[in-house]
N, C-alpha and C. Protein backbone atom coordinates (compact mmCIF):
# COMPACT_ATOMS: atom_id res chain seq x y z
N MET A 1 -8.66 -13.27 -29.41
CA MET A 1 -8.03 -12.24 -28.40
C MET A 1 -7.09 -12.80 -27.63
N PRO A 2 -5.60 -12.39 -27.52
CA PRO A 2 -4.68 -13.07 -26.53
C PRO A 2 -5.28 -12.65 -25.32
N PRO A 3 -4.62 -13.35 -24.38
CA PRO A 3 -4.72 -13.31 -22.88
C PRO A 3 -3.77 -11.96 -22.70
N SER A 4 -4.47 -10.92 -21.79
CA SER A 4 -3.73 -9.77 -21.19
C SER A 4 -2.57 -10.09 -20.34
N GLU A 5 -1.52 -9.30 -20.23
CA GLU A 5 -0.49 -9.73 -19.44
C GLU A 5 -1.01 -9.11 -18.28
N PRO A 6 -0.53 -9.77 -17.09
CA PRO A 6 -0.91 -9.27 -15.57
C PRO A 6 -0.60 -8.10 -15.34
N ALA A 7 -1.21 -7.22 -14.45
CA ALA A 7 -0.61 -5.89 -14.42
C ALA A 7 0.80 -6.08 -13.56
N LEU A 8 1.45 -5.25 -13.91
CA LEU A 8 2.68 -5.07 -13.14
C LEU A 8 2.67 -4.47 -11.57
N GLU A 9 3.25 -5.10 -10.82
CA GLU A 9 3.07 -4.84 -9.28
C GLU A 9 4.64 -4.27 -8.96
N PHE A 10 4.46 -3.27 -7.84
CA PHE A 10 5.66 -2.84 -7.34
C PHE A 10 5.59 -3.07 -5.78
N LEU A 11 6.79 -3.05 -5.09
CA LEU A 11 6.61 -3.00 -3.63
C LEU A 11 6.92 -1.86 -3.35
N VAL A 12 5.92 -1.52 -2.20
CA VAL A 12 5.90 -0.11 -1.87
C VAL A 12 5.70 -0.28 -0.10
N ILE A 13 6.41 0.93 0.73
CA ILE A 13 5.96 0.93 2.04
C ILE A 13 5.60 1.95 2.34
N ARG A 14 4.82 1.98 3.89
CA ARG A 14 4.66 3.45 4.31
C ARG A 14 5.18 3.56 5.35
N ARG A 15 5.97 4.66 5.53
CA ARG A 15 7.19 4.89 6.51
C ARG A 15 6.30 5.25 7.65
N SER A 16 6.74 4.54 8.92
CA SER A 16 5.90 4.76 9.99
C SER A 16 5.87 6.27 10.58
N ALA A 17 5.08 6.45 11.56
CA ALA A 17 4.84 7.80 12.02
C ALA A 17 6.22 8.23 12.72
N GLN A 18 6.91 7.37 13.49
CA GLN A 18 7.80 7.82 14.02
C GLN A 18 9.30 7.99 13.37
N SER A 19 9.38 7.76 11.90
CA SER A 19 10.41 7.89 11.14
C SER A 19 10.97 9.48 11.25
N ARG A 20 12.10 9.59 11.27
CA ARG A 20 12.75 11.19 11.24
C ARG A 20 12.41 11.57 9.86
N PHE A 21 12.56 10.59 8.78
CA PHE A 21 12.29 11.07 7.32
C PHE A 21 11.35 10.89 6.66
N ALA A 22 10.53 11.56 6.09
CA ALA A 22 9.20 11.30 5.24
C ALA A 22 8.03 10.22 6.30
N PRO A 23 7.89 10.85 7.53
CA PRO A 23 6.81 9.88 8.37
C PRO A 23 5.40 9.85 7.42
N GLY A 24 5.02 8.75 7.39
CA GLY A 24 3.52 8.66 6.70
C GLY A 24 3.45 8.32 5.53
N PHE A 25 4.79 8.66 4.48
CA PHE A 25 4.76 8.62 3.21
C PHE A 25 4.94 7.58 2.75
N VAL A 26 4.44 7.19 1.24
CA VAL A 26 4.59 5.92 0.91
C VAL A 26 5.78 5.87 -0.06
N VAL A 27 6.54 5.03 -0.19
CA VAL A 27 7.78 4.86 -0.73
C VAL A 27 8.21 3.72 -0.93
N PHE A 28 9.19 3.43 -2.05
CA PHE A 28 10.07 2.05 -2.25
C PHE A 28 10.84 2.09 -1.27
N PRO A 29 11.27 0.49 -0.87
CA PRO A 29 12.05 0.25 0.13
C PRO A 29 13.27 0.89 0.11
N GLY A 30 14.00 1.35 0.73
CA GLY A 30 15.31 1.96 0.58
C GLY A 30 15.74 2.84 1.98
N GLY A 31 17.10 3.44 1.81
CA GLY A 31 17.26 4.53 2.83
C GLY A 31 19.05 4.79 2.70
N VAL A 32 19.37 5.24 3.70
CA VAL A 32 20.66 6.02 3.85
C VAL A 32 22.27 4.94 3.61
N VAL A 33 22.89 5.37 2.65
CA VAL A 33 24.14 4.18 2.67
C VAL A 33 24.73 4.33 3.69
N GLU A 34 25.11 3.08 4.44
CA GLU A 34 25.70 3.34 5.75
C GLU A 34 27.27 3.08 5.57
N GLU A 35 27.96 2.79 6.47
CA GLU A 35 29.66 2.63 6.49
C GLU A 35 29.72 1.00 5.95
N GLY A 36 28.87 0.31 6.66
CA GLY A 36 29.08 -1.23 6.35
C GLY A 36 28.57 -1.65 4.84
N ASP A 37 27.93 -0.83 4.24
CA ASP A 37 27.28 -0.89 3.07
C ASP A 37 28.71 -1.13 2.00
N ARG A 38 29.85 -0.53 2.13
CA ARG A 38 30.87 -0.36 1.18
C ARG A 38 31.25 -1.98 1.48
N GLU A 39 31.14 -2.31 2.52
CA GLU A 39 32.03 -4.04 3.00
C GLU A 39 30.88 -4.84 2.28
N LEU A 40 29.67 -4.65 2.48
CA LEU A 40 28.84 -5.70 1.97
C LEU A 40 28.78 -5.80 0.43
N ALA A 41 28.98 -4.59 -0.35
CA ALA A 41 28.92 -4.45 -1.69
C ALA A 41 30.56 -5.19 -2.33
N GLU A 42 31.47 -4.91 -1.42
CA GLU A 42 32.79 -5.91 -1.86
C GLU A 42 32.52 -6.98 -1.53
N ARG A 43 31.83 -7.76 -0.67
CA ARG A 43 31.49 -9.13 -0.55
C ARG A 43 30.37 -9.63 -1.47
N TRP A 44 29.40 -9.06 -1.70
CA TRP A 44 28.16 -9.32 -2.60
C TRP A 44 28.76 -9.62 -3.92
N PHE A 45 29.10 -8.20 -4.40
CA PHE A 45 29.32 -8.05 -5.82
C PHE A 45 30.74 -7.65 -6.14
N GLY A 46 31.89 -7.63 -5.18
CA GLY A 46 33.20 -7.45 -5.65
C GLY A 46 33.70 -6.20 -5.90
N GLU A 47 32.60 -5.18 -5.57
CA GLU A 47 33.07 -3.49 -5.82
C GLU A 47 32.50 -2.87 -4.69
N ALA A 48 33.40 -2.07 -4.00
CA ALA A 48 32.74 -1.26 -2.77
C ALA A 48 32.05 0.18 -3.60
N SER A 49 32.26 0.14 -4.74
CA SER A 49 31.52 1.28 -5.20
C SER A 49 29.98 0.82 -5.49
N ASP A 50 29.45 -0.51 -5.30
CA ASP A 50 28.49 -0.92 -5.40
C ASP A 50 27.41 -0.63 -3.86
N ALA A 51 27.91 0.25 -3.22
CA ALA A 51 27.38 0.25 -1.91
C ALA A 51 26.01 0.82 -1.92
N PRO A 52 25.63 1.76 -2.78
CA PRO A 52 24.22 2.16 -3.07
C PRO A 52 23.43 0.49 -3.63
N ARG A 53 23.98 0.07 -4.13
CA ARG A 53 22.95 -1.47 -4.54
C ARG A 53 23.05 -2.27 -3.18
N ALA A 54 24.18 -2.13 -2.36
CA ALA A 54 24.06 -3.13 -1.30
C ALA A 54 23.21 -2.85 -0.48
N CYS A 55 23.16 -0.98 -0.18
CA CYS A 55 22.13 -0.60 0.58
C CYS A 55 20.37 -0.99 0.42
N ALA A 56 20.56 -0.69 -0.95
CA ALA A 56 19.23 -1.27 -1.38
C ALA A 56 18.69 -2.47 -0.91
N LEU A 57 19.30 -3.53 -0.91
CA LEU A 57 19.29 -5.04 -0.55
C LEU A 57 19.17 -5.05 0.85
N ARG A 58 19.90 -4.43 1.46
CA ARG A 58 20.11 -4.27 3.08
C ARG A 58 18.52 -3.71 3.65
N GLU A 59 18.25 -2.44 2.96
CA GLU A 59 17.26 -2.29 3.51
C GLU A 59 15.82 -2.80 3.17
N LEU A 60 15.91 -3.40 1.82
CA LEU A 60 14.67 -4.38 1.69
C LEU A 60 14.53 -5.27 2.69
N SER A 61 15.63 -5.71 3.20
CA SER A 61 15.61 -6.80 4.31
C SER A 61 15.08 -6.33 5.57
N GLU A 62 15.52 -5.37 5.79
CA GLU A 62 15.15 -4.61 7.08
C GLU A 62 14.01 -4.08 7.12
N GLU A 63 13.56 -3.57 6.16
CA GLU A 63 12.13 -2.61 5.94
C GLU A 63 10.89 -3.74 5.76
N ALA A 64 11.56 -4.72 4.88
CA ALA A 64 10.20 -5.64 4.16
C ALA A 64 10.44 -7.01 4.69
N GLY A 65 11.65 -7.35 5.20
CA GLY A 65 11.84 -8.87 5.32
C GLY A 65 12.05 -9.53 4.18
N LEU A 66 12.27 -9.05 2.90
CA LEU A 66 12.66 -9.72 1.75
C LEU A 66 13.92 -9.81 1.42
N VAL A 67 14.62 -11.04 1.05
CA VAL A 67 16.12 -10.93 0.56
C VAL A 67 16.38 -11.30 -0.64
N LEU A 68 16.59 -10.58 -1.53
CA LEU A 68 17.07 -10.87 -2.81
C LEU A 68 18.36 -11.62 -3.04
N THR A 69 18.00 -12.80 -3.73
CA THR A 69 19.39 -13.83 -3.98
C THR A 69 19.25 -14.21 -5.21
N LYS A 70 20.39 -14.95 -5.46
CA LYS A 70 20.70 -15.30 -6.82
C LYS A 70 19.67 -16.04 -7.49
N VAL A 71 18.66 -16.62 -6.83
CA VAL A 71 17.60 -17.34 -7.52
C VAL A 71 16.49 -16.70 -7.37
N GLY A 72 16.43 -15.54 -6.71
CA GLY A 72 14.92 -14.83 -6.34
C GLY A 72 14.95 -14.03 -5.16
N LEU A 73 13.84 -13.38 -5.02
CA LEU A 73 13.30 -12.82 -3.79
C LEU A 73 12.59 -13.82 -2.89
N VAL A 74 13.14 -13.74 -1.55
CA VAL A 74 12.50 -14.89 -0.53
C VAL A 74 12.30 -13.85 0.73
N GLU A 75 11.40 -14.63 1.40
CA GLU A 75 10.81 -14.27 2.52
C GLU A 75 12.00 -14.54 3.60
N ALA A 76 12.68 -13.75 4.08
CA ALA A 76 13.59 -14.25 5.19
C ALA A 76 13.76 -12.92 6.25
N PRO A 77 12.77 -12.35 6.96
CA PRO A 77 13.09 -11.49 7.73
C PRO A 77 14.22 -11.59 9.10
N GLY A 78 14.89 -10.60 9.05
CA GLY A 78 16.40 -10.48 9.76
C GLY A 78 17.35 -11.08 9.36
N ARG A 79 17.38 -11.45 7.97
CA ARG A 79 18.80 -12.03 7.08
C ARG A 79 18.90 -11.24 6.06
N LEU A 80 20.18 -11.34 5.54
CA LEU A 80 20.56 -11.01 4.40
C LEU A 80 21.33 -11.79 3.42
N PRO A 81 21.34 -11.17 2.06
CA PRO A 81 22.24 -11.87 1.03
C PRO A 81 23.54 -12.58 1.44
N GLY A 82 23.91 -13.48 1.13
CA GLY A 82 25.23 -14.22 1.79
C GLY A 82 25.12 -14.96 2.90
N GLU A 83 24.07 -14.69 3.76
CA GLU A 83 24.17 -15.80 4.65
C GLU A 83 23.67 -17.16 4.19
N ALA A 84 23.82 -18.11 5.46
CA ALA A 84 23.36 -19.54 4.61
C ALA A 84 22.16 -19.86 3.78
N GLY A 85 22.51 -20.10 2.72
CA GLY A 85 21.46 -20.42 1.97
C GLY A 85 20.80 -19.43 1.16
N LEU A 86 21.60 -18.19 1.25
CA LEU A 86 21.03 -17.00 0.60
C LEU A 86 22.13 -16.37 -0.46
N LEU A 87 22.50 -16.93 -1.34
CA LEU A 87 23.60 -16.89 -2.52
C LEU A 87 22.86 -15.19 -2.74
N PRO A 88 24.16 -14.42 -2.66
CA PRO A 88 23.65 -12.97 -3.21
C PRO A 88 23.61 -13.03 -4.75
N PRO A 89 22.71 -11.78 -5.12
CA PRO A 89 22.62 -11.96 -6.41
C PRO A 89 23.67 -11.35 -7.36
N ASP A 90 23.63 -11.31 -8.63
CA ASP A 90 24.34 -10.73 -9.51
C ASP A 90 23.96 -9.21 -9.56
N PRO A 91 25.22 -8.26 -9.66
CA PRO A 91 24.67 -6.79 -9.75
C PRO A 91 23.65 -6.80 -11.28
N ALA A 92 24.11 -7.44 -11.99
CA ALA A 92 23.14 -7.27 -13.37
C ALA A 92 21.89 -7.70 -13.24
N GLN A 93 21.33 -8.17 -12.23
CA GLN A 93 19.80 -8.83 -11.49
C GLN A 93 19.25 -7.46 -11.39
N ILE A 94 20.03 -6.47 -10.74
CA ILE A 94 19.56 -5.21 -10.06
C ILE A 94 19.78 -3.89 -10.66
N PRO A 95 19.29 -3.68 -12.07
CA PRO A 95 19.93 -2.17 -12.63
C PRO A 95 19.24 -1.11 -11.92
N GLU A 96 20.05 -0.02 -11.89
CA GLU A 96 19.72 1.25 -11.70
C GLU A 96 18.93 1.81 -12.67
N ILE A 97 17.77 2.33 -12.23
CA ILE A 97 16.78 3.00 -13.53
C ILE A 97 16.79 4.29 -13.34
N ALA A 98 16.92 4.84 -12.14
CA ALA A 98 17.07 6.19 -11.64
C ALA A 98 17.80 6.77 -10.85
N ARG A 99 17.90 7.88 -10.70
CA ARG A 99 18.89 8.49 -9.34
C ARG A 99 18.36 9.97 -9.22
N TRP A 100 18.14 10.23 -8.12
CA TRP A 100 17.31 11.78 -7.90
C TRP A 100 18.19 12.28 -6.58
N ILE A 101 18.83 13.27 -6.64
CA ILE A 101 19.03 14.22 -5.43
C ILE A 101 18.40 15.03 -5.41
N ALA A 102 18.03 15.41 -3.82
CA ALA A 102 16.99 16.59 -3.28
C ALA A 102 17.31 18.00 -3.44
N PRO A 103 16.42 18.48 -3.87
CA PRO A 103 17.20 20.15 -4.21
C PRO A 103 17.53 20.80 -2.61
N ASP A 104 18.22 21.61 -3.13
CA ASP A 104 18.92 22.47 -1.84
C ASP A 104 17.81 22.98 -0.88
N PHE A 105 16.76 23.25 -1.21
CA PHE A 105 15.46 24.04 -0.23
C PHE A 105 15.14 23.00 0.70
N LEU A 106 15.31 21.67 0.58
CA LEU A 106 14.81 20.45 1.49
C LEU A 106 15.46 20.41 2.76
N PRO A 107 15.07 20.54 3.80
CA PRO A 107 15.66 20.49 5.20
C PRO A 107 16.36 19.19 5.29
N VAL A 108 16.00 17.92 4.90
CA VAL A 108 16.64 16.63 4.81
C VAL A 108 17.10 16.62 3.43
N ARG A 109 18.43 16.33 2.97
CA ARG A 109 18.63 16.11 1.74
C ARG A 109 18.85 14.53 1.59
N PHE A 110 18.53 13.93 0.23
CA PHE A 110 18.96 12.78 -0.07
C PHE A 110 19.39 12.36 -1.40
N ASP A 111 20.03 11.71 -1.87
CA ASP A 111 20.69 11.24 -3.02
C ASP A 111 20.31 9.69 -3.18
N ALA A 112 18.90 9.60 -3.81
CA ALA A 112 18.31 8.16 -3.71
C ALA A 112 18.63 7.73 -5.15
N HIS A 113 19.47 6.23 -5.17
CA HIS A 113 19.22 5.60 -6.35
C HIS A 113 18.08 4.64 -6.25
N PHE A 114 17.54 4.51 -7.50
CA PHE A 114 16.27 3.52 -7.91
C PHE A 114 16.84 2.07 -8.54
N PHE A 115 16.57 1.08 -7.93
CA PHE A 115 16.71 -0.11 -8.69
C PHE A 115 15.66 -1.12 -8.89
N ALA A 116 15.88 -1.64 -9.79
CA ALA A 116 14.61 -2.53 -10.30
C ALA A 116 15.39 -4.24 -10.25
N VAL A 117 14.33 -4.88 -9.94
CA VAL A 117 14.60 -6.58 -9.86
C VAL A 117 13.12 -7.17 -10.47
N ALA A 118 13.39 -8.04 -11.41
CA ALA A 118 12.14 -9.06 -11.82
C ALA A 118 11.91 -9.94 -10.78
N VAL A 119 10.63 -10.03 -10.11
CA VAL A 119 10.32 -11.12 -9.07
C VAL A 119 9.15 -12.06 -9.65
N ALA A 120 9.47 -13.20 -9.88
CA ALA A 120 8.55 -14.33 -10.35
C ALA A 120 8.00 -14.88 -9.00
N GLY A 121 6.76 -15.16 -9.06
CA GLY A 121 6.21 -15.66 -7.96
C GLY A 121 5.77 -14.79 -6.79
N GLU A 122 5.30 -15.14 -5.67
CA GLU A 122 5.03 -14.47 -4.61
C GLU A 122 6.03 -14.46 -3.48
N ALA A 123 6.26 -13.26 -3.00
CA ALA A 123 6.98 -13.00 -1.80
C ALA A 123 6.06 -12.00 -0.78
N LEU A 124 5.74 -12.44 0.18
CA LEU A 124 5.03 -11.50 0.95
C LEU A 124 6.02 -10.88 1.93
N PRO A 125 5.71 -9.44 1.71
CA PRO A 125 6.67 -8.40 2.67
C PRO A 125 6.07 -8.63 4.19
N ALA A 126 6.99 -8.45 4.82
CA ALA A 126 6.73 -8.26 6.46
C ALA A 126 7.34 -7.23 7.09
N PRO A 127 6.99 -5.97 7.23
CA PRO A 127 7.21 -4.79 7.45
C PRO A 127 7.81 -4.65 8.94
N ASP A 128 8.83 -4.30 9.21
CA ASP A 128 9.65 -4.25 10.62
C ASP A 128 8.79 -3.37 11.33
N GLY A 129 7.89 -2.48 11.25
CA GLY A 129 7.20 -1.99 12.33
C GLY A 129 7.85 -0.84 13.19
N VAL A 130 9.19 -0.72 12.64
CA VAL A 130 9.80 0.55 13.10
C VAL A 130 10.03 1.85 11.74
N GLU A 131 10.82 1.25 10.99
CA GLU A 131 10.92 1.94 9.66
C GLU A 131 9.43 2.08 9.03
N ALA A 132 8.93 1.07 8.49
CA ALA A 132 7.74 0.73 7.84
C ALA A 132 6.78 -0.10 8.50
N ASP A 133 5.70 0.73 8.76
CA ASP A 133 4.35 0.24 9.31
C ASP A 133 3.58 -0.63 8.49
N ARG A 134 3.86 -0.51 7.10
CA ARG A 134 3.05 -1.20 6.23
C ARG A 134 4.03 -1.66 5.00
N ALA A 135 3.85 -2.87 4.33
CA ALA A 135 4.44 -3.07 2.83
C ALA A 135 3.70 -4.00 2.17
N TRP A 136 3.47 -3.61 0.81
CA TRP A 136 2.60 -4.33 0.12
C TRP A 136 3.01 -3.99 -1.41
N TRP A 137 2.49 -5.13 -2.19
CA TRP A 137 2.46 -5.06 -3.84
C TRP A 137 1.43 -4.24 -4.27
N SER A 138 1.71 -3.25 -5.00
CA SER A 138 0.66 -2.69 -5.78
C SER A 138 1.04 -2.24 -7.35
N THR A 139 -0.20 -2.18 -8.13
CA THR A 139 0.13 -1.40 -9.54
C THR A 139 0.48 0.18 -9.15
N ALA A 140 1.45 0.71 -9.98
CA ALA A 140 1.63 1.97 -10.10
C ALA A 140 0.23 2.76 -9.80
N GLU A 141 -0.63 2.37 -10.73
CA GLU A 141 -2.20 3.16 -10.82
C GLU A 141 -2.58 3.26 -9.78
N ASP A 142 -2.77 2.16 -8.70
CA ASP A 142 -3.66 2.10 -7.63
C ASP A 142 -2.74 2.63 -6.62
N VAL A 143 -1.54 2.76 -6.62
CA VAL A 143 -0.98 3.94 -5.67
C VAL A 143 -1.18 5.22 -5.85
N LEU A 144 -1.25 5.75 -7.34
CA LEU A 144 -1.35 7.09 -7.80
C LEU A 144 -2.80 7.56 -7.40
N ALA A 145 -3.65 6.56 -7.42
CA ALA A 145 -5.35 6.72 -7.35
C ALA A 145 -5.22 7.23 -6.03
N ALA A 146 -4.60 6.20 -5.16
CA ALA A 146 -4.70 6.72 -3.77
C ALA A 146 -3.96 7.99 -3.16
N THR A 147 -2.95 8.14 -3.91
CA THR A 147 -2.43 9.48 -3.68
C THR A 147 -3.22 10.76 -3.97
N ARG A 148 -4.18 10.36 -4.91
CA ARG A 148 -5.18 11.61 -5.77
C ARG A 148 -6.08 11.84 -4.66
N ALA A 149 -6.81 10.53 -3.92
CA ALA A 149 -7.62 10.27 -3.36
C ALA A 149 -7.10 10.88 -1.60
N GLY A 150 -5.87 10.89 -1.44
CA GLY A 150 -5.23 11.95 -0.04
C GLY A 150 -5.18 10.79 0.72
N GLU A 151 -4.85 9.44 0.42
CA GLU A 151 -4.65 8.29 1.13
C GLU A 151 -3.32 7.51 1.08
N ALA A 152 -2.33 8.46 0.20
CA ALA A 152 -0.88 7.88 -0.06
C ALA A 152 0.03 8.79 -0.31
N PRO A 153 0.44 9.70 0.53
CA PRO A 153 1.16 11.12 0.41
C PRO A 153 2.56 10.36 -0.27
N LEU A 154 3.16 10.86 -1.26
CA LEU A 154 4.26 10.63 -1.82
C LEU A 154 5.36 11.97 -2.02
N MET A 155 6.62 11.43 -2.01
CA MET A 155 7.62 12.66 -2.14
C MET A 155 7.83 12.77 -3.79
N TRP A 156 8.33 13.72 -4.16
CA TRP A 156 8.42 14.31 -5.71
C TRP A 156 8.95 12.89 -6.16
N PRO A 157 10.36 12.47 -5.78
CA PRO A 157 10.90 11.38 -6.48
C PRO A 157 9.91 10.04 -6.97
N THR A 158 9.05 9.71 -5.65
CA THR A 158 8.22 8.52 -5.86
C THR A 158 6.94 8.60 -6.73
N LEU A 159 6.41 9.94 -6.48
CA LEU A 159 5.52 10.30 -7.75
C LEU A 159 5.92 10.15 -8.92
N ARG A 160 6.88 10.54 -9.17
CA ARG A 160 7.56 10.73 -10.91
C ARG A 160 7.97 9.22 -11.17
N MET A 161 8.36 8.48 -10.28
CA MET A 161 8.75 6.87 -10.83
C MET A 161 7.42 6.39 -10.90
N LEU A 162 6.51 6.26 -10.04
CA LEU A 162 5.14 5.84 -10.30
C LEU A 162 4.41 6.12 -11.37
N GLN A 163 4.58 7.57 -12.06
CA GLN A 163 4.19 8.01 -13.33
C GLN A 163 4.91 7.17 -14.45
N VAL A 164 6.27 7.05 -14.39
CA VAL A 164 6.74 6.55 -15.46
C VAL A 164 6.56 4.75 -15.28
N LEU A 165 6.39 4.24 -14.20
CA LEU A 165 6.18 2.79 -14.11
C LEU A 165 4.77 2.67 -14.41
N ALA A 166 3.90 3.27 -14.49
CA ALA A 166 2.60 2.77 -14.90
C ALA A 166 2.40 2.94 -16.28
N GLU A 167 3.53 3.73 -16.98
CA GLU A 167 3.60 3.58 -18.45
C GLU A 167 4.15 2.17 -19.09
N CYS A 168 4.97 1.38 -18.00
CA CYS A 168 5.45 0.39 -18.51
C CYS A 168 4.58 -0.59 -18.69
N ARG A 169 5.00 -1.62 -19.81
CA ARG A 169 3.74 -2.61 -20.20
C ARG A 169 4.11 -4.24 -19.60
N SER A 170 5.79 -4.04 -19.36
CA SER A 170 6.45 -5.48 -19.25
C SER A 170 7.62 -5.25 -18.36
N ILE A 171 7.72 -6.33 -17.76
CA ILE A 171 8.75 -6.32 -16.81
C ILE A 171 10.43 -5.66 -17.34
N SER A 172 10.27 -6.17 -18.93
CA SER A 172 11.47 -5.55 -19.33
C SER A 172 11.34 -4.21 -19.74
N ASP A 173 10.46 -3.53 -19.85
CA ASP A 173 10.32 -2.23 -20.07
C ASP A 173 10.93 -1.47 -18.87
N VAL A 174 10.35 -2.18 -17.37
CA VAL A 174 11.03 -1.48 -16.13
C VAL A 174 12.46 -1.66 -16.18
N LEU A 175 13.05 -2.94 -16.19
CA LEU A 175 14.35 -2.83 -16.14
C LEU A 175 15.24 -2.23 -16.91
N GLU A 176 14.80 -1.71 -18.30
CA GLU A 176 15.31 -1.02 -19.18
C GLU A 176 15.30 0.52 -19.06
N LEU A 177 14.44 1.14 -17.98
CA LEU A 177 14.21 2.30 -17.71
C LEU A 177 15.51 3.02 -17.31
N ASP A 178 15.64 4.29 -17.93
CA ASP A 178 16.44 5.23 -17.37
C ASP A 178 16.13 6.50 -17.60
N VAL A 179 15.36 6.71 -16.09
CA VAL A 179 14.27 7.98 -15.72
C VAL A 179 15.27 9.22 -15.22
N GLU A 180 15.59 9.97 -16.37
CA GLU A 180 15.94 11.69 -15.76
C GLU A 180 15.47 12.05 -14.59
N GLN A 181 16.35 12.70 -13.86
CA GLN A 181 15.68 13.55 -12.89
C GLN A 181 15.13 14.69 -13.22
N MET A 182 13.81 15.15 -12.61
CA MET A 182 12.92 16.12 -13.28
C MET A 182 12.95 17.22 -12.10
N ALA A 183 12.92 18.65 -12.10
CA ALA A 183 13.00 19.54 -11.02
C ALA A 183 11.78 19.21 -10.26
N PRO A 184 11.76 19.43 -9.18
CA PRO A 184 10.48 19.00 -8.24
C PRO A 184 9.42 20.65 -8.19
N PRO A 185 8.18 20.36 -8.05
CA PRO A 185 7.50 21.31 -7.95
C PRO A 185 8.23 22.46 -6.98
N SER A 186 7.87 23.95 -7.13
CA SER A 186 8.80 24.82 -6.31
C SER A 186 7.92 24.81 -4.96
N PRO A 187 8.43 24.84 -3.67
CA PRO A 187 7.89 25.07 -2.62
C PRO A 187 6.93 26.31 -2.50
N VAL A 188 5.94 26.04 -1.79
CA VAL A 188 4.69 27.01 -1.88
C VAL A 188 5.02 27.92 -0.63
């Protein structure tokens, strides 16, 4: 019998209790597109329209201390792609696999772009202690099990993404995803 593929792991963070948005929830690194993200996108990718992709990389660095470069993911707290020795990645390395727009009934709305990146080797996240109080690599199944046990609250898009990711058997499966937004459960 051939050796089985290692289980796919995904980087998740727990939002700090002081977070304005989703305190204590387990999420993927990310955040709000800021004005400077358009300039970063232009510098890194040649297109200001790639601001959501630039935002994802900036937030990855800020929340988890990891920087995605042309040669892979590196531990570099406080730094960004494009700084000395950290050539920015090609946008093709960062496919968008989903986009979720919050329903009108939520008091804090979001327009979340989900990106995927293949990571080889180990890159240990270092949570910033402000936005994220914990960051770790986990299988989708383990996060979902923690959620069922009441230990990892998830927002609807994160729950749905983890359900889809749990069915992926290879990195290629993940990088080729195009997850359609589904309606969230109705508020009670």
